[in-house]
Protein backbone atom coordinates (compact mmCIF):
# COMPACT_ATOMS: atom_id res chain seq x y z
CA MET A 1 -0.09 0.46 0.20
CA ARG A 2 1.41 3.33 -0.76
CA PHE A 3 1.11 7.13 0.70
CA ARG A 4 -2.11 8.98 -0.20
CA PHE A 5 -2.75 12.16 0.54
CA ARG A 6 -6.14 12.54 1.80
CA LEU A 7 -6.11 16.56 1.08
CA GLU A 8 -3.94 16.39 -2.59
CA SER A 9 -6.55 17.87 -4.86
CA VAL A 10 -6.65 20.92 -1.91
CA LEU A 11 -3.22 21.42 -2.21
CA ARG A 12 -3.45 21.46 -5.85
CA GLN A 13 -5.69 23.93 -5.96
CA ARG A 14 -3.67 25.96 -3.34
CA GLU A 15 -0.84 25.21 -6.04
CA ILE A 16 -2.38 26.71 -8.78
CA GLU A 17 -4.24 29.64 -6.81
CA ARG A 18 -1.07 30.48 -6.20
CA ASP A 19 0.91 30.49 -9.10
CA MET A 20 -1.78 32.63 -10.83
CA ALA A 21 -0.83 34.81 -8.42
CA ARG A 22 2.59 34.83 -8.47
CA ARG A 23 1.03 35.68 -12.44
CA GLU A 24 -0.72 38.26 -12.16
CA TYR A 25 2.03 39.57 -9.51
CA LEU A 26 4.76 39.65 -11.91
CA GLU A 27 2.22 41.25 -14.98
CA ALA A 28 1.95 44.20 -12.46
CA GLN A 29 6.00 44.38 -11.95
CA ASN A 30 6.01 44.46 -15.74
CA ARG A 31 2.75 47.15 -15.73
CA VAL A 32 5.49 49.00 -13.90
CA ARG A 33 8.19 49.13 -15.22
CA GLU A 34 6.72 49.96 -18.41
CA GLN A 35 5.59 53.04 -17.17
CA LEU A 36 8.31 54.10 -14.57
CA LEU A 37 10.88 53.53 -18.58
CA LYS A 38 7.25 55.45 -20.02
CA ILE A 39 8.36 58.61 -17.92
CA LYS A 40 12.55 58.29 -18.44
CA ASN A 41 11.12 58.96 -21.79
CA MET A 42 9.30 61.77 -21.58
CA TYR A 43 12.54 63.06 -19.28
CA ALA A 44 14.30 62.08 -22.57
CA GLN A 45 12.34 64.36 -24.45
CA ILE A 46 12.71 67.41 -21.90
CA ASP A 47 16.18 66.73 -22.06
CA ASP A 48 16.26 66.66 -26.30
CA ALA A 49 13.68 69.77 -26.33
CA ARG A 50 16.36 71.71 -24.03
CA TRP A 51 19.53 70.86 -25.81
CA ALA A 52 17.12 72.08 -29.54
CA ALA A 53 16.70 75.57 -28.02
CA GLU A 54 20.10 75.63 -26.65
CA GLN A 55 21.10 74.61 -29.76
CA LEU A 56 18.92 77.67 -31.41
CA GLU A 57 19.79 80.03 -29.02
CA ARG A 58 23.53 79.89 -30.17
CA LYS A 59 22.66 80.08 -33.43
CA GLY A 60 21.15 83.34 -32.74
CA GLY A 61 18.60 84.79 -35.23
CA ALA A 62 14.97 85.74 -35.65
CA GLN A 63 14.02 81.91 -33.45
CA ALA A 64 11.71 83.25 -30.96
CA ASN A 65 9.23 81.16 -32.53
CA ALA A 66 11.10 78.16 -32.10
CA LEU A 67 11.91 78.61 -28.63
CA VAL A 68 8.81 79.87 -27.67
CA GLN A 69 7.33 76.15 -29.15
CA THR A 70 9.73 74.30 -27.44
CA GLU A 71 9.03 75.61 -24.01
CA GLU A 72 5.54 74.37 -23.85
CA PHE A 73 6.47 71.90 -24.97
CA ILE A 74 8.23 71.70 -22.37
CA GLN A 75 5.66 72.86 -20.01
CA GLY A 76 3.38 70.08 -21.26
CA GLN A 77 5.82 67.30 -20.83
CA LYS A 78 6.04 68.25 -17.82
CA VAL A 79 1.80 67.95 -16.91
CA LEU A 80 1.67 64.61 -18.58
CA ILE A 81 4.87 63.40 -16.34
CA GLN A 82 2.73 64.83 -13.43
CA LYS A 83 -0.31 62.63 -14.22
CA GLU A 84 2.15 59.54 -15.29
CA ARG A 85 3.78 59.40 -11.89
CA GLU A 86 0.43 59.54 -10.05
CA ARG A 87 -0.25 56.27 -12.12
CA ALA A 88 2.70 55.15 -11.71
CA ARG A 89 1.86 55.23 -7.95
CA ASP A 90 -1.19 54.20 -8.76
CA LEU A 91 0.65 50.80 -10.65
CA MET A 92 3.03 50.31 -7.59
CA MET A 93 -0.05 50.14 -5.18
CA GLU A 94 -1.57 47.52 -7.26
CA SER A 95 1.66 45.76 -7.06
CA GLU A 96 2.05 45.41 -3.56
CA GLN A 97 -1.59 44.94 -3.36
CA LYS A 98 -1.33 41.45 -5.80
CA LEU A 99 2.47 40.47 -3.80
CA GLU A 100 -0.15 40.25 -0.44
CA VAL A 101 -2.06 38.67 -2.22
CA LEU A 102 0.89 35.94 -3.46
CA THR A 103 2.71 36.05 -0.24
CA GLU A 104 -0.95 34.73 1.64
CA LYS A 105 -1.15 32.06 -1.53
CA SER A 106 1.95 30.73 -0.69
CA GLN A 107 1.30 30.05 2.85
CA ALA A 108 -1.74 28.65 2.46
CA PHE A 109 0.65 26.23 -0.61
CA LYS A 110 3.07 26.16 1.87
CA ILE A 111 1.14 24.78 4.88
CA LEU A 112 -0.56 21.98 3.25
CA GLU A 113 2.66 21.13 2.02
CA LYS A 114 4.20 20.59 4.93
CA LEU A 115 1.48 18.96 6.10
CA LYS A 116 1.45 16.14 3.31
CA GLU A 117 5.23 16.18 4.14
CA LYS A 118 4.34 15.08 8.06
CA LYS A 119 1.61 12.73 6.87
CA ARG A 120 3.67 10.82 4.88
CA GLU A 121 6.39 10.78 7.72
CA GLU A 122 3.48 9.50 9.85
CA TYR A 123 2.51 7.05 6.92
CA ARG A 124 6.42 5.86 6.91
CA LYS A 125 6.84 5.07 10.40
CA GLU A 126 3.83 3.42 10.79
CA ARG A 127 4.54 1.31 7.64
CA ASN A 128 7.92 0.65 9.13
CA ARG A 129 6.60 -0.24 12.85
CA ARG A 130 4.68 -2.77 11.01
CA SER A 131 7.22 -4.29 8.69
CA ASP A 132 9.03 -4.59 11.80
CA LYS A 133 6.24 -5.83 14.06
CA GLU A 134 5.76 -8.07 10.70
CA ILE A 135 9.64 -9.33 11.39
CA ASP A 136 8.78 -10.02 15.39
CA ASP A 137 5.98 -12.39 14.51
CA LEU A 138 7.81 -14.07 12.15
CA ASN A 139 10.39 -14.82 14.78
CA LEU A 140 8.76 -15.81 16.96
CA MET A 141 6.51 -18.10 14.74
CA ARG A 142 10.15 -19.59 14.04
CA GLN A 143 11.12 -19.48 17.98
CA ALA A 144 8.47 -21.20 18.58
CA ALA A 145 8.07 -23.56 15.84
CA ALA A 146 12.28 -24.93 16.45
CA LYS A 147 11.46 -25.74 20.19
CA GLU A 148 8.82 -28.03 19.28
């Protein structure tokens, strides 16, 4: 007779739930990473616009219209960056919530996994105890048969 864990289906379900929570957490982390990269690129666009404005100023001449447009672009980017930063904060909060769920699911799975190992160890000890008892019984029967 082999070991059979009665809660195996529950253990599998908890494992699936843990894996799903892990996937959701990783997806949330990716969204945060993408959002931060988007913000970084927006800052790079501002830097590029400033560099272009500096080049226009060095050239001199009637570049006032282009400089005004560059400054308006920079101000618009700052407003967009602020909105994107708020979105990034929301995504980070969502990611933290997913991490908490993942932690809970992982703990629930580990509890059942430890219970399974405990039951397996109990089964192994019981099987060894029965085996030892059978061997002792056989030895007693041999000794009794030898005395006769």
